[in-house]
């Protein structure tokens, strides 16, 4: 069984393991840069599971920023019947694609 961890970034939680690629809320790091997630909520290796209260002490997850991009456009349409009121807007959420390199313990 591979080692897994639950990290928190951008107000969301992600289950990650080394070698995995994830898309997270945009981080202010250039492509090719290193990123360290220190908000690790849970760590599970083959031997035992550690659950943080709220974070697991001494555990960090290292990753590499592969790409900065924008998601597909989502149309936001607001309409009020019988009032001649309508609004149409588009939104593209920025993201950072990250490859998880390793889960590090102290």
PDB file of N, CA and C in Angstrom:
ATOM      1  N   UNK A   1       0.838  -1.189   0.000  1.00  0.00           N
ATOM      2  CA  UNK A   1       0.000   0.000   0.000  1.00  0.00           C
ATOM      3  C   UNK A   1       0.878   1.245   0.000  1.00  0.00           C
ATOM      4  N   UNK A   2       0.537   2.200  -0.834  1.00  0.00           N
ATOM      5  CA  UNK A   2       1.311   3.436  -0.941  1.00  0.00           C
ATOM      6  C   UNK A   2       0.996   4.358   0.230  1.00  0.00           C
ATOM      7  N   UNK A   3       1.940   5.206   0.524  1.00  0.00           N
ATOM      8  CA  UNK A   3       1.743   6.189   1.580  1.00  0.00           C
ATOM      9  C   UNK A   3       0.825   7.288   1.067  1.00  0.00           C
ATOM     10  N   UNK A   4      -0.162   7.676   1.865  1.00  0.00           N
ATOM     11  CA  UNK A   4      -1.080   8.745   1.483  1.00  0.00           C
ATOM     12  C   UNK A   4      -1.144   9.789   2.593  1.00  0.00           C
ATOM     13  N   UNK A   5      -1.592  10.988   2.213  1.00  0.00           N
ATOM     14  CA  UNK A   5      -1.766  12.071   3.178  1.00  0.00           C
ATOM     15  C   UNK A   5      -2.961  12.903   2.752  1.00  0.00           C
ATOM     16  N   UNK A   6      -3.558  13.584   3.712  1.00  0.00           N
ATOM     17  CA  UNK A   6      -4.632  14.538   3.431  1.00  0.00           C
ATOM     18  C   UNK A   6      -4.074  15.910   3.753  1.00  0.00           C
ATOM     19  N   UNK A   7      -4.060  16.799   2.720  1.00  0.00           N
ATOM     20  CA  UNK A   7      -3.540  18.155   2.908  1.00  0.00           C
ATOM     21  C   UNK A   7      -4.663  19.158   2.717  1.00  0.00           C
ATOM     22  N   UNK A   8      -4.450  20.369   3.275  1.00  0.00           N
ATOM     23  CA  UNK A   8      -5.423  21.439   3.087  1.00  0.00           C
ATOM     24  C   UNK A   8      -4.717  22.610   2.422  1.00  0.00           C
ATOM     25  N   UNK A   9      -5.304  23.092   1.305  1.00  0.00           N
ATOM     26  CA  UNK A   9      -4.792  24.273   0.624  1.00  0.00           C
ATOM     27  C   UNK A   9      -5.937  24.934  -0.118  1.00  0.00           C
ATOM     28  N   UNK A  10      -5.968  26.230  -0.097  1.00  0.00           N
ATOM     29  CA  UNK A  10      -7.007  26.968  -0.800  1.00  0.00           C
ATOM     30  C   UNK A  10      -8.404  26.715  -0.262  1.00  0.00           C
ATOM     31  N   UNK A  11      -8.511  26.368   1.036  1.00  0.00           N
ATOM     32  CA  UNK A  11      -9.813  26.124   1.640  1.00  0.00           C
ATOM     33  C   UNK A  11     -10.407  24.772   1.305  1.00  0.00           C
ATOM     34  N   UNK A  12      -9.638  23.903   0.657  1.00  0.00           N
ATOM     35  CA  UNK A  12     -10.125  22.565   0.284  1.00  0.00           C
ATOM     36  C   UNK A  12      -9.144  21.523   0.799  1.00  0.00           C
ATOM     37  N   UNK A  13      -9.623  20.280   0.880  1.00  0.00           N
ATOM     38  CA  UNK A  13      -8.783  19.176   1.321  1.00  0.00           C
ATOM     39  C   UNK A  13      -8.563  18.217   0.166  1.00  0.00           C
ATOM     40  N   UNK A  14      -7.346  17.670   0.071  1.00  0.00           N
ATOM     41  CA  UNK A  14      -6.984  16.763  -1.013  1.00  0.00           C
ATOM     42  C   UNK A  14      -6.304  15.526  -0.439  1.00  0.00           C
ATOM     43  N   UNK A  15      -6.645  14.345  -0.969  1.00  0.00           N
ATOM     44  CA  UNK A  15      -5.954  13.111  -0.634  1.00  0.00           C
ATOM     45  C   UNK A  15      -4.843  12.950  -1.661  1.00  0.00           C
ATOM     46  N   UNK A  16      -3.595  12.872  -1.202  1.00  0.00           N
ATOM     47  CA  UNK A  16      -2.463  12.829  -2.121  1.00  0.00           C
ATOM     48  C   UNK A  16      -1.531  11.669  -1.783  1.00  0.00           C
ATOM     49  N   UNK A  17      -0.777  11.249  -2.794  1.00  0.00           N
ATOM     50  CA  UNK A  17       0.273  10.252  -2.628  1.00  0.00           C
ATOM     51  C   UNK A  17       1.407  10.631  -3.574  1.00  0.00           C
ATOM     52  N   UNK A  18       2.636  10.199  -3.309  1.00  0.00           N
ATOM     53  CA  UNK A  18       3.766  10.562  -4.169  1.00  0.00           C
ATOM     54  C   UNK A  18       3.540  10.116  -5.618  1.00  0.00           C
ATOM     55  N   UNK A  19       3.884  11.013  -6.557  1.00  0.00           N
ATOM     56  CA  UNK A  19       3.712  10.727  -7.973  1.00  0.00           C
ATOM     57  C   UNK A  19       2.386  11.190  -8.546  1.00  0.00           C
ATOM     58  N   UNK A  20       1.474  11.601  -7.695  1.00  0.00           N
ATOM     59  CA  UNK A  20       0.136  12.017  -8.130  1.00  0.00           C
ATOM     60  C   UNK A  20       0.157  13.473  -8.596  1.00  0.00           C
ATOM     61  N   UNK A  21      -0.715  13.795  -9.569  1.00  0.00           N
ATOM     62  CA  UNK A  21      -0.886  15.176 -10.037  1.00  0.00           C
ATOM     63  C   UNK A  21      -2.257  15.670  -9.594  1.00  0.00           C
ATOM     64  N   UNK A  22      -2.291  16.880  -9.029  1.00  0.00           N
ATOM     65  CA  UNK A  22      -3.560  17.457  -8.583  1.00  0.00           C
ATOM     66  C   UNK A  22      -3.648  18.898  -9.072  1.00  0.00           C
ATOM     67  N   UNK A  23      -4.873  19.387  -9.193  1.00  0.00           N
ATOM     68  CA  UNK A  23      -5.126  20.786  -9.514  1.00  0.00           C
ATOM     69  C   UNK A  23      -5.702  21.445  -8.276  1.00  0.00           C
ATOM     70  N   UNK A  24      -5.020  22.508  -7.816  1.00  0.00           N
ATOM     71  CA  UNK A  24      -5.438  23.219  -6.609  1.00  0.00           C
ATOM     72  C   UNK A  24      -5.694  24.676  -6.957  1.00  0.00           C
ATOM     73  N   UNK A  25      -6.281  25.426  -6.020  1.00  0.00           N
ATOM     74  CA  UNK A  25      -6.453  26.863  -6.203  1.00  0.00           C
ATOM     75  C   UNK A  25      -5.101  27.485  -6.504  1.00  0.00           C
ATOM     76  N   UNK A  26      -5.086  28.509  -7.336  1.00  0.00           N
ATOM     77  CA  UNK A  26      -3.834  29.088  -7.822  1.00  0.00           C
ATOM     78  C   UNK A  26      -2.917  29.508  -6.670  1.00  0.00           C
ATOM     79  N   UNK A  27      -1.645  29.094  -6.783  1.00  0.00           N
ATOM     80  CA  UNK A  27      -0.621  29.434  -5.817  1.00  0.00           C
ATOM     81  C   UNK A  27       0.343  30.440  -6.451  1.00  0.00           C
ATOM     82  N   UNK A  28       0.902  31.366  -5.672  1.00  0.00           N
ATOM     83  CA  UNK A  28       1.792  32.390  -6.234  1.00  0.00           C
ATOM     84  C   UNK A  28       3.225  31.885  -6.438  1.00  0.00           C
ATOM     85  N   UNK A  29       3.370  30.759  -7.142  1.00  0.00           N
ATOM     86  CA  UNK A  29       4.676  30.157  -7.394  1.00  0.00           C
ATOM     87  C   UNK A  29       4.801  29.912  -8.892  1.00  0.00           C
ATOM     88  N   UNK A  30       5.960  30.211  -9.464  1.00  0.00           N
ATOM     89  CA  UNK A  30       6.166  30.045 -10.898  1.00  0.00           C
ATOM     90  C   UNK A  30       6.245  28.568 -11.276  1.00  0.00           C
ATOM     91  N   UNK A  31       6.011  28.294 -12.571  1.00  0.00           N
ATOM     92  CA  UNK A  31       6.104  26.919 -13.074  1.00  0.00           C
ATOM     93  C   UNK A  31       7.507  26.393 -12.846  1.00  0.00           C
ATOM     94  N   UNK A  32       7.593  25.163 -12.391  1.00  0.00           N
ATOM     95  CA  UNK A  32       8.881  24.538 -12.090  1.00  0.00           C
ATOM     96  C   UNK A  32       9.340  24.770 -10.665  1.00  0.00           C
ATOM     97  N   UNK A  33       8.627  25.614  -9.928  1.00  0.00           N
ATOM     98  CA  UNK A  33       9.004  25.913  -8.546  1.00  0.00           C
ATOM     99  C   UNK A  33       8.537  24.837  -7.580  1.00  0.00           C
ATOM    100  N   UNK A  34       9.162  24.822  -6.419  1.00  0.00           N
ATOM    101  CA  UNK A  34       8.819  23.870  -5.368  1.00  0.00           C
ATOM    102  C   UNK A  34       7.765  24.474  -4.440  1.00  0.00           C
ATOM    103  N   UNK A  35       6.885  23.625  -3.945  1.00  0.00           N
ATOM    104  CA  UNK A  35       5.873  24.058  -2.993  1.00  0.00           C
ATOM    105  C   UNK A  35       5.848  23.046  -1.843  1.00  0.00           C
ATOM    106  N   UNK A  36       5.683  23.549  -0.615  1.00  0.00           N
ATOM    107  CA  UNK A  36       5.629  22.692   0.567  1.00  0.00           C
ATOM    108  C   UNK A  36       4.297  22.922   1.263  1.00  0.00           C
ATOM    109  N   UNK A  37       3.546  21.847   1.438  1.00  0.00           N
ATOM    110  CA  UNK A  37       2.275  21.916   2.166  1.00  0.00           C
ATOM    111  C   UNK A  37       2.547  21.451   3.587  1.00  0.00           C
ATOM    112  N   UNK A  38       2.387  22.360   4.554  1.00  0.00           N
ATOM    113  CA  UNK A  38       2.620  21.979   5.941  1.00  0.00           C
ATOM    114  C   UNK A  38       1.325  21.756   6.714  1.00  0.00           C
ATOM    115  N   UNK A  39       0.186  22.005   6.082  1.00  0.00           N
ATOM    116  CA  UNK A  39      -1.100  21.711   6.719  1.00  0.00           C
ATOM    117  C   UNK A  39      -1.510  20.292   6.350  1.00  0.00           C
ATOM    118  N   UNK A  40      -0.907  19.317   7.020  1.00  0.00           N
ATOM    119  CA  UNK A  40      -1.188  17.904   6.777  1.00  0.00           C
ATOM    120  C   UNK A  40      -2.148  17.442   7.870  1.00  0.00           C
ATOM    121  N   UNK A  41      -3.322  16.972   7.460  1.00  0.00           N
ATOM    122  CA  UNK A  41      -4.365  16.612   8.416  1.00  0.00           C
ATOM    123  C   UNK A  41      -4.345  15.131   8.787  1.00  0.00           C
ATOM    124  N   UNK A  42      -3.805  14.286   7.884  1.00  0.00           N
ATOM    125  CA  UNK A  42      -3.779  12.849   8.128  1.00  0.00           C
ATOM    126  C   UNK A  42      -2.636  12.244   7.330  1.00  0.00           C
ATOM    127  N   UNK A  43      -1.957  11.254   7.910  1.00  0.00           N
ATOM    128  CA  UNK A  43      -0.903  10.516   7.210  1.00  0.00           C
ATOM    129  C   UNK A  43      -1.155   9.035   7.427  1.00  0.00           C
ATOM    130  N   UNK A  44      -1.086   8.265   6.341  1.00  0.00           N
ATOM    131  CA  UNK A  44      -1.315   6.816   6.412  1.00  0.00           C
ATOM    132  C   UNK A  44      -0.215   6.117   5.625  1.00  0.00           C
ATOM    133  N   UNK A  45       0.626   5.357   6.329  1.00  0.00           N
ATOM    134  CA  UNK A  45       1.575   4.495   5.643  1.00  0.00           C
ATOM    135  C   UNK A  45       1.144   3.056   5.915  1.00  0.00           C
ATOM    136  N   UNK A  46       1.916   2.103   5.505  1.00  0.00           N
ATOM    137  CA  UNK A  46       1.515   0.701   5.660  1.00  0.00           C
ATOM    138  C   UNK A  46       1.445   0.284   7.129  1.00  0.00           C
ATOM    139  N   UNK A  47       2.145   1.003   8.010  1.00  0.00           N
ATOM    140  CA  UNK A  47       2.217   0.596   9.407  1.00  0.00           C
ATOM    141  C   UNK A  47       1.134   1.193  10.296  1.00  0.00           C
ATOM    142  N   UNK A  48       0.929   2.525  10.190  1.00  0.00           N
ATOM    143  CA  UNK A  48      -0.040   3.164  11.080  1.00  0.00           C
ATOM    144  C   UNK A  48      -0.642   4.410  10.451  1.00  0.00           C
ATOM    145  N   UNK A  49      -1.750   4.857  11.045  1.00  0.00           N
ATOM    146  CA  UNK A  49      -2.451   6.060  10.606  1.00  0.00           C
ATOM    147  C   UNK A  49      -2.302   7.110  11.696  1.00  0.00           C
ATOM    148  N   UNK A  50      -1.868   8.321  11.298  1.00  0.00           N
ATOM    149  CA  UNK A  50      -1.775   9.437  12.234  1.00  0.00           C
ATOM    150  C   UNK A  50      -2.809  10.477  11.842  1.00  0.00           C
ATOM    151  N   UNK A  51      -3.642  10.867  12.793  1.00  0.00           N
ATOM    152  CA  UNK A  51      -4.657  11.882  12.556  1.00  0.00           C
ATOM    153  C   UNK A  51      -4.289  13.108  13.376  1.00  0.00           C
ATOM    154  N   UNK A  52      -4.262  14.263  12.717  1.00  0.00           N
ATOM    155  CA  UNK A  52      -3.882  15.495  13.380  1.00  0.00           C
ATOM    156  C   UNK A  52      -4.998  16.117  14.176  1.00  0.00           C
ATOM    157  N   UNK A  53      -4.612  16.962  15.135  1.00  0.00           N
ATOM    158  CA  UNK A  53      -5.594  17.690  15.933  1.00  0.00           C
ATOM    159  C   UNK A  53      -5.225  19.165  15.986  1.00  0.00           C
ATOM    160  N   UNK A  54      -5.399  19.987  15.015  1.00  0.00           N
ATOM    161  CA  UNK A  54      -5.922  19.727  13.682  1.00  0.00           C
ATOM    162  C   UNK A  54      -4.876  19.284  12.679  1.00  0.00           C
ATOM    163  N   UNK A  55      -3.561  19.523  12.957  1.00  0.00           N
ATOM    164  CA  UNK A  55      -2.524  19.129  12.002  1.00  0.00           C
ATOM    165  C   UNK A  55      -1.630  18.063  12.615  1.00  0.00           C
ATOM    166  N   UNK A  56      -1.026  17.234  11.749  1.00  0.00           N
ATOM    167  CA  UNK A  56      -0.054  16.247  12.200  1.00  0.00           C
ATOM    168  C   UNK A  56       1.287  16.963  12.326  1.00  0.00           C
ATOM    169  N   UNK A  57       1.907  16.873  13.493  1.00  0.00           N
ATOM    170  CA  UNK A  57       3.162  17.582  13.747  1.00  0.00           C
ATOM    171  C   UNK A  57       4.322  16.889  13.034  1.00  0.00           C
ATOM    172  N   UNK A  58       5.196  17.710  12.457  1.00  0.00           N
ATOM    173  CA  UNK A  58       6.426  17.188  11.867  1.00  0.00           C
ATOM    174  C   UNK A  58       6.273  16.519  10.512  1.00  0.00           C
ATOM    175  N   UNK A  59       5.162  16.719   9.834  1.00  0.00           N
ATOM    176  CA  UNK A  59       4.958  16.110   8.513  1.00  0.00           C
ATOM    177  C   UNK A  59       4.735  17.215   7.491  1.00  0.00           C
ATOM    178  N   UNK A  60       5.433  17.097   6.354  1.00  0.00           N
ATOM    179  CA  UNK A  60       5.263  18.049   5.259  1.00  0.00           C
ATOM    180  C   UNK A  60       5.143  17.275   3.959  1.00  0.00           C
ATOM    181  N   UNK A  61       4.407  17.843   3.012  1.00  0.00           N
ATOM    182  CA  UNK A  61       4.266  17.245   1.685  1.00  0.00           C
ATOM    183  C   UNK A  61       4.932  18.185   0.697  1.00  0.00           C
ATOM    184  N   UNK A  62       5.877  17.647  -0.093  1.00  0.00           N
ATOM    185  CA  UNK A  62       6.586  18.461  -1.071  1.00  0.00           C
ATOM    186  C   UNK A  62       6.019  18.204  -2.455  1.00  0.00           C
ATOM    187  N   UNK A  63       5.926  19.272  -3.232  1.00  0.00           N
ATOM    188  CA  UNK A  63       5.412  19.165  -4.586  1.00  0.00           C
ATOM    189  C   UNK A  63       6.135  20.102  -5.523  1.00  0.00           C
ATOM    190  N   UNK A  64       5.849  19.932  -6.814  1.00  0.00           N
ATOM    191  CA  UNK A  64       6.457  20.758  -7.857  1.00  0.00           C
ATOM    192  C   UNK A  64       5.336  21.315  -8.715  1.00  0.00           C
ATOM    193  N   UNK A  65       5.362  22.634  -8.973  1.00  0.00           N
ATOM    194  CA  UNK A  65       4.337  23.262  -9.803  1.00  0.00           C
ATOM    195  C   UNK A  65       4.650  22.952 -11.264  1.00  0.00           C
ATOM    196  N   UNK A  66       3.749  22.230 -11.928  1.00  0.00           N
ATOM    197  CA  UNK A  66       3.928  21.868 -13.323  1.00  0.00           C
ATOM    198  C   UNK A  66       3.380  22.932 -14.263  1.00  0.00           C
ATOM    199  N   UNK A  67       2.237  23.522 -13.864  1.00  0.00           N
ATOM    200  CA  UNK A  67       1.564  24.428 -14.788  1.00  0.00           C
ATOM    201  C   UNK A  67       0.643  25.362 -14.024  1.00  0.00           C
ATOM    202  N   UNK A  68       0.520  26.595 -14.513  1.00  0.00           N
ATOM    203  CA  UNK A  68      -0.487  27.544 -14.034  1.00  0.00           C
ATOM    204  C   UNK A  68      -1.488  27.685 -15.180  1.00  0.00           C
ATOM    205  N   UNK A  69      -2.770  27.583 -14.897  1.00  0.00           N
ATOM    206  CA  UNK A  69      -3.741  27.671 -15.978  1.00  0.00           C
ATOM    207  C   UNK A  69      -5.093  28.147 -15.503  1.00  0.00           C
ATOM    208  N   UNK A  70      -6.044  28.102 -16.436  1.00  0.00           N
ATOM    209  CA  UNK A  70      -7.430  28.453 -16.130  1.00  0.00           C
ATOM    210  C   UNK A  70      -8.318  27.294 -16.542  1.00  0.00           C
ATOM    211  N   UNK A  71      -9.353  27.045 -15.750  1.00  0.00           N
ATOM    212  CA  UNK A  71     -10.299  25.973 -16.049  1.00  0.00           C
ATOM    213  C   UNK A  71     -11.211  26.400 -17.197  1.00  0.00           C
ATOM    214  N   UNK A  72     -12.040  25.475 -17.660  1.00  0.00           N
ATOM    215  CA  UNK A  72     -12.990  25.805 -18.724  1.00  0.00           C
ATOM    216  C   UNK A  72     -13.982  26.842 -18.226  1.00  0.00           C
ATOM    217  N   UNK A  73     -14.533  27.606 -19.164  1.00  0.00           N
ATOM    218  CA  UNK A  73     -15.454  28.673 -18.815  1.00  0.00           C
ATOM    219  C   UNK A  73     -16.783  28.106 -18.309  1.00  0.00           C
ATOM    220  N   UNK A  74     -17.269  28.696 -17.237  1.00  0.00           N
ATOM    221  CA  UNK A  74     -18.570  28.363 -16.670  1.00  0.00           C
ATOM    222  C   UNK A  74     -19.458  29.590 -16.874  1.00  0.00           C
ATOM    223  N   UNK A  75     -20.659  29.387 -17.431  1.00  0.00           N
ATOM    224  CA  UNK A  75     -21.589  30.491 -17.664  1.00  0.00           C
ATOM    225  C   UNK A  75     -22.464  30.669 -16.424  1.00  0.00           C
ATOM    226  N   UNK A  76     -22.508  31.897 -15.918  1.00  0.00           N
ATOM    227  CA  UNK A  76     -23.349  32.247 -14.776  1.00  0.00           C
ATOM    228  C   UNK A  76     -24.481  33.094 -15.338  1.00  0.00           C
ATOM    229  N   UNK A  77     -25.713  32.591 -15.256  1.00  0.00           N
ATOM    230  CA  UNK A  77     -26.852  33.297 -15.826  1.00  0.00           C
ATOM    231  C   UNK A  77     -27.888  33.524 -14.745  1.00  0.00           C
ATOM    232  N   UNK A  78     -28.213  34.796 -14.494  1.00  0.00           N
ATOM    233  CA  UNK A  78     -29.228  35.151 -13.502  1.00  0.00           C
ATOM    234  C   UNK A  78     -30.423  35.722 -14.246  1.00  0.00           C
ATOM    235  N   UNK A  79     -31.614  35.319 -13.827  1.00  0.00           N
ATOM    236  CA  UNK A  79     -32.825  35.710 -14.532  1.00  0.00           C
ATOM    237  C   UNK A  79     -33.951  35.881 -13.530  1.00  0.00           C
ATOM    238  N   UNK A  80     -34.694  36.981 -13.653  1.00  0.00           N
ATOM    239  CA  UNK A  80     -35.878  37.201 -12.819  1.00  0.00           C
ATOM    240  C   UNK A  80     -37.083  37.282 -13.746  1.00  0.00           C
ATOM    241  N   UNK A  81     -38.014  36.376 -13.564  1.00  0.00           N
ATOM    242  CA  UNK A  81     -39.188  36.314 -14.422  1.00  0.00           C
ATOM    243  C   UNK A  81     -40.061  37.556 -14.246  1.00  0.00           C
ATOM    244  N   UNK A  82     -40.643  38.007 -15.323  1.00  0.00           N
ATOM    245  CA  UNK A  82     -41.602  39.122 -15.357  1.00  0.00           C
ATOM    246  C   UNK A  82     -40.999  40.455 -14.918  1.00  0.00           C
ATOM    247  N   UNK A  83     -39.701  40.555 -14.833  1.00  0.00           N
ATOM    248  CA  UNK A  83     -39.072  41.802 -14.392  1.00  0.00           C
ATOM    249  C   UNK A  83     -38.130  42.370 -15.464  1.00  0.00           C
ATOM    250  N   UNK A  84     -37.975  41.687 -16.567  1.00  0.00           N
ATOM    251  CA  UNK A  84     -37.053  42.073 -17.645  1.00  0.00           C
ATOM    252  C   UNK A  84     -35.627  42.226 -17.114  1.00  0.00           C
ATOM    253  N   UNK A  85     -35.250  41.347 -16.221  1.00  0.00           N
ATOM    254  CA  UNK A  85     -33.935  41.417 -15.609  1.00  0.00           C
ATOM    255  C   UNK A  85     -33.178  40.127 -15.887  1.00  0.00           C
ATOM    256  N   UNK A  86     -32.013  40.263 -16.503  1.00  0.00           N
ATOM    257  CA  UNK A  86     -31.169  39.090 -16.720  1.00  0.00           C
ATOM    258  C   UNK A  86     -29.713  39.531 -16.798  1.00  0.00           C
ATOM    259  N   UNK A  87     -28.828  38.660 -16.316  1.00  0.00           N
ATOM    260  CA  UNK A  87     -27.389  38.913 -16.348  1.00  0.00           C
ATOM    261  C   UNK A  87     -26.702  37.638 -16.805  1.00  0.00           C
ATOM    262  N   UNK A  88     -25.773  37.785 -17.732  1.00  0.00           N
ATOM    263  CA  UNK A  88     -25.004  36.645 -18.206  1.00  0.00           C
ATOM    264  C   UNK A  88     -23.529  36.968 -18.032  1.00  0.00           C
ATOM    265  N   UNK A  89     -22.843  36.101 -17.314  1.00  0.00           N
ATOM    266  CA  UNK A  89     -21.407  36.289 -17.079  1.00  0.00           C
ATOM    267  C   UNK A  89     -20.697  34.961 -17.251  1.00  0.00           C
ATOM    268  N   UNK A  90     -19.441  35.036 -17.620  1.00  0.00           N
ATOM    269  CA  UNK A  90     -18.604  33.848 -17.700  1.00  0.00           C
ATOM    270  C   UNK A  90     -17.519  33.925 -16.634  1.00  0.00           C
ATOM    271  N   UNK A  91     -17.032  32.770 -16.218  1.00  0.00           N
ATOM    272  CA  UNK A  91     -15.989  32.733 -15.192  1.00  0.00           C
ATOM    273  C   UNK A  91     -15.028  31.594 -15.501  1.00  0.00           C
ATOM    274  N   UNK A  92     -13.730  31.876 -15.443  1.00  0.00           N
ATOM    275  CA  UNK A  92     -12.700  30.852 -15.582  1.00  0.00           C
ATOM    276  C   UNK A  92     -11.855  30.867 -14.313  1.00  0.00           C
ATOM    277  N   UNK A  93     -11.898  29.775 -13.575  1.00  0.00           N
ATOM    278  CA  UNK A  93     -11.179  29.691 -12.300  1.00  0.00           C
ATOM    279  C   UNK A  93      -9.695  29.389 -12.538  1.00  0.00           C
ATOM    280  N   UNK A  94      -8.789  30.208 -12.008  1.00  0.00           N
ATOM    281  CA  UNK A  94      -7.361  29.905 -12.151  1.00  0.00           C
ATOM    282  C   UNK A  94      -6.958  28.747 -11.235  1.00  0.00           C
ATOM    283  N   UNK A  95      -5.988  27.945 -11.694  1.00  0.00           N
ATOM    284  CA  UNK A  95      -5.526  26.809 -10.902  1.00  0.00           C
ATOM    285  C   UNK A  95      -4.026  26.621 -11.086  1.00  0.00           C
ATOM    286  N   UNK A  96      -3.444  25.820 -10.204  1.00  0.00           N
ATOM    287  CA  UNK A  96      -2.051  25.393 -10.298  1.00  0.00           C
ATOM    288  C   UNK A  96      -2.061  23.876 -10.347  1.00  0.00           C
ATOM    289  N   UNK A  97      -1.389  23.296 -11.331  1.00  0.00           N
ATOM    290  CA  UNK A  97      -1.268  21.839 -11.400  1.00  0.00           C
ATOM    291  C   UNK A  97       0.037  21.457 -10.709  1.00  0.00           C
ATOM    292  N   UNK A  98      -0.065  20.547  -9.740  1.00  0.00           N
ATOM    293  CA  UNK A  98       1.066  20.195  -8.895  1.00  0.00           C
ATOM    294  C   UNK A  98       1.297  18.695  -8.923  1.00  0.00           C
ATOM    295  N   UNK A  99       2.571  18.305  -9.004  1.00  0.00           N
ATOM    296  CA  UNK A  99       2.941  16.891  -8.869  1.00  0.00           C
ATOM    297  C   UNK A  99       3.499  16.705  -7.465  1.00  0.00           C
ATOM    298  N   UNK A 100       2.960  15.735  -6.743  1.00  0.00           N
ATOM    299  CA  UNK A 100       3.410  15.452  -5.389  1.00  0.00           C
ATOM    300  C   UNK A 100       4.700  14.650  -5.472  1.00  0.00           C
ATOM    301  N   UNK A 101       5.762  15.163  -4.857  1.00  0.00           N
ATOM    302  CA  UNK A 101       7.067  14.489  -4.909  1.00  0.00           C
ATOM    303  C   UNK A 101       7.246  13.504  -3.758  1.00  0.00           C
ATOM    304  N   UNK A 102       7.044  13.980  -2.531  1.00  0.00           N
ATOM    305  CA  UNK A 102       7.223  13.067  -1.403  1.00  0.00           C
ATOM    306  C   UNK A 102       6.503  13.584  -0.161  1.00  0.00           C
ATOM    307  N   UNK A 103       6.253  12.656   0.749  1.00  0.00           N
ATOM    308  CA  UNK A 103       5.677  12.959   2.054  1.00  0.00           C
ATOM    309  C   UNK A 103       6.826  12.819   3.054  1.00  0.00           C
ATOM    310  N   UNK A 104       7.155  13.908   3.712  1.00  0.00           N
ATOM    311  CA  UNK A 104       8.368  13.974   4.544  1.00  0.00           C
ATOM    312  C   UNK A 104       8.015  14.008   6.012  1.00  0.00           C
ATOM    313  N   UNK A 105       8.681  13.183   6.796  1.00  0.00           N
ATOM    314  CA  UNK A 105       8.514  13.168   8.269  1.00  0.00           C
ATOM    315  C   UNK A 105       9.797  13.634   8.921  1.00  0.00           C
ATOM    316  N   UNK A 106       9.653  14.261  10.067  1.00  0.00           N
ATOM    317  CA  UNK A 106      10.860  14.703  10.813  1.00  0.00           C
ATOM    318  C   UNK A 106      11.260  13.669  11.821  1.00  0.00           C
TER     319      UNK A 106
END
